[in-house]
């Protein structure tokens, strides 16, 4: 990243650092969203009072939260597989892919 800025202007060498920062913030936001929806689903279950419609709604919320978690986790797996196949050095959010 030392060669990233030339004459006070960002160069194309900054793009990997930019993507790494965007991914790091995106994963953080997605993790917070996951925690929120898990807590929200749990509260819906607790307050359902045995009502089948409210239980169904809580199950759907929980299912969508878990699907989001699988997608986030799967994206790391896909990037790691692509980096391995192409024999490319890869580092995501401080985690070495190899």
C-alpha atoms as a PDB file:
ATOM      1  CA  UNK A   1       0.000   0.000   0.000  1.00  0.00           C
ATOM      2  CA  UNK A   2       3.066   2.246   0.170  1.00  0.00           C
ATOM      3  CA  UNK A   3       2.958   2.679  -3.629  1.00  0.00           C
ATOM      4  CA  UNK A   4      -0.762   3.370  -3.561  1.00  0.00           C
ATOM      5  CA  UNK A   5      -0.597   7.174  -3.552  1.00  0.00           C
ATOM      6  CA  UNK A   6       1.444   9.138  -6.067  1.00  0.00           C
ATOM      7  CA  UNK A   7       1.609  12.904  -5.812  1.00  0.00           C
ATOM      8  CA  UNK A   8      -1.299  12.987  -3.379  1.00  0.00           C
ATOM      9  CA  UNK A   9      -3.574  11.097  -5.799  1.00  0.00           C
ATOM     10  CA  UNK A  10      -4.718   7.501  -5.364  1.00  0.00           C
ATOM     11  CA  UNK A  11      -3.534   5.117  -8.092  1.00  0.00           C
ATOM     12  CA  UNK A  12      -4.869   1.784  -9.319  1.00  0.00           C
ATOM     13  CA  UNK A  13      -2.666   0.093  -6.724  1.00  0.00           C
ATOM     14  CA  UNK A  14      -5.221   1.288  -4.127  1.00  0.00           C
ATOM     15  CA  UNK A  15      -8.044  -0.828  -5.552  1.00  0.00           C
ATOM     16  CA  UNK A  16      -7.223  -4.035  -3.602  1.00  0.00           C
ATOM     17  CA  UNK A  17      -7.009  -2.080  -0.348  1.00  0.00           C
ATOM     18  CA  UNK A  18     -10.306  -0.360  -1.170  1.00  0.00           C
ATOM     19  CA  UNK A  19     -12.063  -3.677  -1.846  1.00  0.00           C
ATOM     20  CA  UNK A  20     -10.593  -5.159   1.327  1.00  0.00           C
ATOM     21  CA  UNK A  21     -11.997  -2.239   3.341  1.00  0.00           C
ATOM     22  CA  UNK A  22     -15.414  -2.502   1.666  1.00  0.00           C
ATOM     23  CA  UNK A  23     -15.549  -6.258   2.308  1.00  0.00           C
ATOM     24  CA  UNK A  24     -14.526  -5.779   5.950  1.00  0.00           C
ATOM     25  CA  UNK A  25     -17.270  -3.202   6.544  1.00  0.00           C
ATOM     26  CA  UNK A  26     -19.827  -5.271   4.631  1.00  0.00           C
ATOM     27  CA  UNK A  27     -19.097  -8.380   6.680  1.00  0.00           C
ATOM     28  CA  UNK A  28     -19.376  -6.360   9.861  1.00  0.00           C
ATOM     29  CA  UNK A  29     -22.749  -4.966   8.821  1.00  0.00           C
ATOM     30  CA  UNK A  30     -23.950  -8.393   7.693  1.00  0.00           C
ATOM     31  CA  UNK A  31     -22.899  -9.873  11.036  1.00  0.00           C
ATOM     32  CA  UNK A  32     -24.807  -7.192  12.912  1.00  0.00           C
ATOM     33  CA  UNK A  33     -27.825  -7.840  10.688  1.00  0.00           C
ATOM     34  CA  UNK A  34     -27.589 -11.551  11.411  1.00  0.00           C
ATOM     35  CA  UNK A  35     -27.499 -10.944  15.160  1.00  0.00           C
ATOM     36  CA  UNK A  36     -30.439  -8.558  14.914  1.00  0.00           C
ATOM     37  CA  UNK A  37     -32.581 -10.997  12.928  1.00  0.00           C
ATOM     38  CA  UNK A  38     -31.684 -13.915  15.204  1.00  0.00           C
ATOM     39  CA  UNK A  39     -32.725 -11.879  18.249  1.00  0.00           C
ATOM     40  CA  UNK A  40     -35.830 -10.633  16.416  1.00  0.00           C
ATOM     41  CA  UNK A  41     -36.818 -14.202  15.493  1.00  0.00           C
ATOM     42  CA  UNK A  42     -36.270 -15.370  19.075  1.00  0.00           C
ATOM     43  CA  UNK A  43     -38.457 -12.540  20.384  1.00  0.00           C
ATOM     44  CA  UNK A  44     -41.166 -13.457  17.881  1.00  0.00           C
ATOM     45  CA  UNK A  45     -41.049 -17.083  19.056  1.00  0.00           C
ATOM     46  CA  UNK A  46     -41.230 -16.069  22.704  1.00  0.00           C
ATOM     47  CA  UNK A  47     -44.120 -13.653  22.207  1.00  0.00           C
ATOM     48  CA  UNK A  48     -46.074 -15.866  19.809  1.00  0.00           C
ATOM     49  CA  UNK A  49     -48.199 -17.258  22.604  1.00  0.00           C
ATOM     50  CA  UNK A  50     -48.764 -20.475  20.660  1.00  0.00           C
ATOM     51  CA  UNK A  51     -50.421 -18.680  17.721  1.00  0.00           C
ATOM     52  CA  UNK A  52     -49.550 -20.795  14.632  1.00  0.00           C
ATOM     53  CA  UNK A  53     -49.408 -17.758  12.307  1.00  0.00           C
ATOM     54  CA  UNK A  54     -46.933 -15.930  14.548  1.00  0.00           C
ATOM     55  CA  UNK A  55     -44.841 -19.078  15.023  1.00  0.00           C
ATOM     56  CA  UNK A  56     -44.725 -19.512  11.252  1.00  0.00           C
ATOM     57  CA  UNK A  57     -43.635 -15.896  10.853  1.00  0.00           C
ATOM     58  CA  UNK A  58     -40.868 -16.387  13.424  1.00  0.00           C
ATOM     59  CA  UNK A  59     -39.673 -19.539  11.652  1.00  0.00           C
ATOM     60  CA  UNK A  60     -39.530 -17.656   8.336  1.00  0.00           C
ATOM     61  CA  UNK A  61     -37.482 -14.855   9.913  1.00  0.00           C
ATOM     62  CA  UNK A  62     -35.078 -17.370  11.404  1.00  0.00           C
ATOM     63  CA  UNK A  63     -34.809 -19.229   8.093  1.00  0.00           C
ATOM     64  CA  UNK A  64     -33.983 -16.033   6.189  1.00  0.00           C
ATOM     65  CA  UNK A  65     -31.348 -15.062   8.770  1.00  0.00           C
ATOM     66  CA  UNK A  66     -29.692 -18.471   8.481  1.00  0.00           C
ATOM     67  CA  UNK A  67     -29.809 -18.340   4.668  1.00  0.00           C
ATOM     68  CA  UNK A  68     -28.024 -14.990   4.829  1.00  0.00           C
ATOM     69  CA  UNK A  69     -25.390 -16.502   7.108  1.00  0.00           C
ATOM     70  CA  UNK A  70     -24.843 -19.375   4.664  1.00  0.00           C
ATOM     71  CA  UNK A  71     -24.477 -16.898   1.772  1.00  0.00           C
ATOM     72  CA  UNK A  72     -21.916 -14.804   3.670  1.00  0.00           C
ATOM     73  CA  UNK A  73     -19.941 -17.885   4.696  1.00  0.00           C
ATOM     74  CA  UNK A  74     -20.250 -19.361   1.209  1.00  0.00           C
ATOM     75  CA  UNK A  75     -18.781 -16.228  -0.351  1.00  0.00           C
ATOM     76  CA  UNK A  76     -15.552 -16.811   1.567  1.00  0.00           C
ATOM     77  CA  UNK A  77     -15.516 -20.411   0.354  1.00  0.00           C
ATOM     78  CA  UNK A  78     -16.081 -19.395  -3.278  1.00  0.00           C
ATOM     79  CA  UNK A  79     -13.321 -16.763  -3.178  1.00  0.00           C
ATOM     80  CA  UNK A  80     -10.937 -19.273  -1.594  1.00  0.00           C
ATOM     81  CA  UNK A  81     -11.718 -21.877  -4.265  1.00  0.00           C
ATOM     82  CA  UNK A  82     -11.212 -19.351  -7.077  1.00  0.00           C
ATOM     83  CA  UNK A  83      -7.918 -18.185  -5.538  1.00  0.00           C
ATOM     84  CA  UNK A  84      -6.738 -21.790  -5.227  1.00  0.00           C
ATOM     85  CA  UNK A  85      -7.697 -22.704  -8.801  1.00  0.00           C
ATOM     86  CA  UNK A  86      -6.062 -19.608 -10.271  1.00  0.00           C
ATOM     87  CA  UNK A  87      -3.046 -19.916  -7.932  1.00  0.00           C
ATOM     88  CA  UNK A  88      -3.511 -16.331  -6.798  1.00  0.00           C
ATOM     89  CA  UNK A  89      -2.503 -14.840  -3.489  1.00  0.00           C
ATOM     90  CA  UNK A  90      -5.622 -13.845  -1.649  1.00  0.00           C
ATOM     91  CA  UNK A  91      -6.219 -12.054   1.605  1.00  0.00           C
ATOM     92  CA  UNK A  92      -9.712 -11.226   2.838  1.00  0.00           C
ATOM     93  CA  UNK A  93     -10.144  -8.962   5.817  1.00  0.00           C
ATOM     94  CA  UNK A  94      -6.795 -10.021   7.246  1.00  0.00           C
ATOM     95  CA  UNK A  95      -7.494 -13.723   6.631  1.00  0.00           C
ATOM     96  CA  UNK A  96      -5.133 -15.496   4.262  1.00  0.00           C
ATOM     97  CA  UNK A  97      -7.139 -17.628   1.807  1.00  0.00           C
ATOM     98  CA  UNK A  98      -4.492 -20.355   1.485  1.00  0.00           C
END
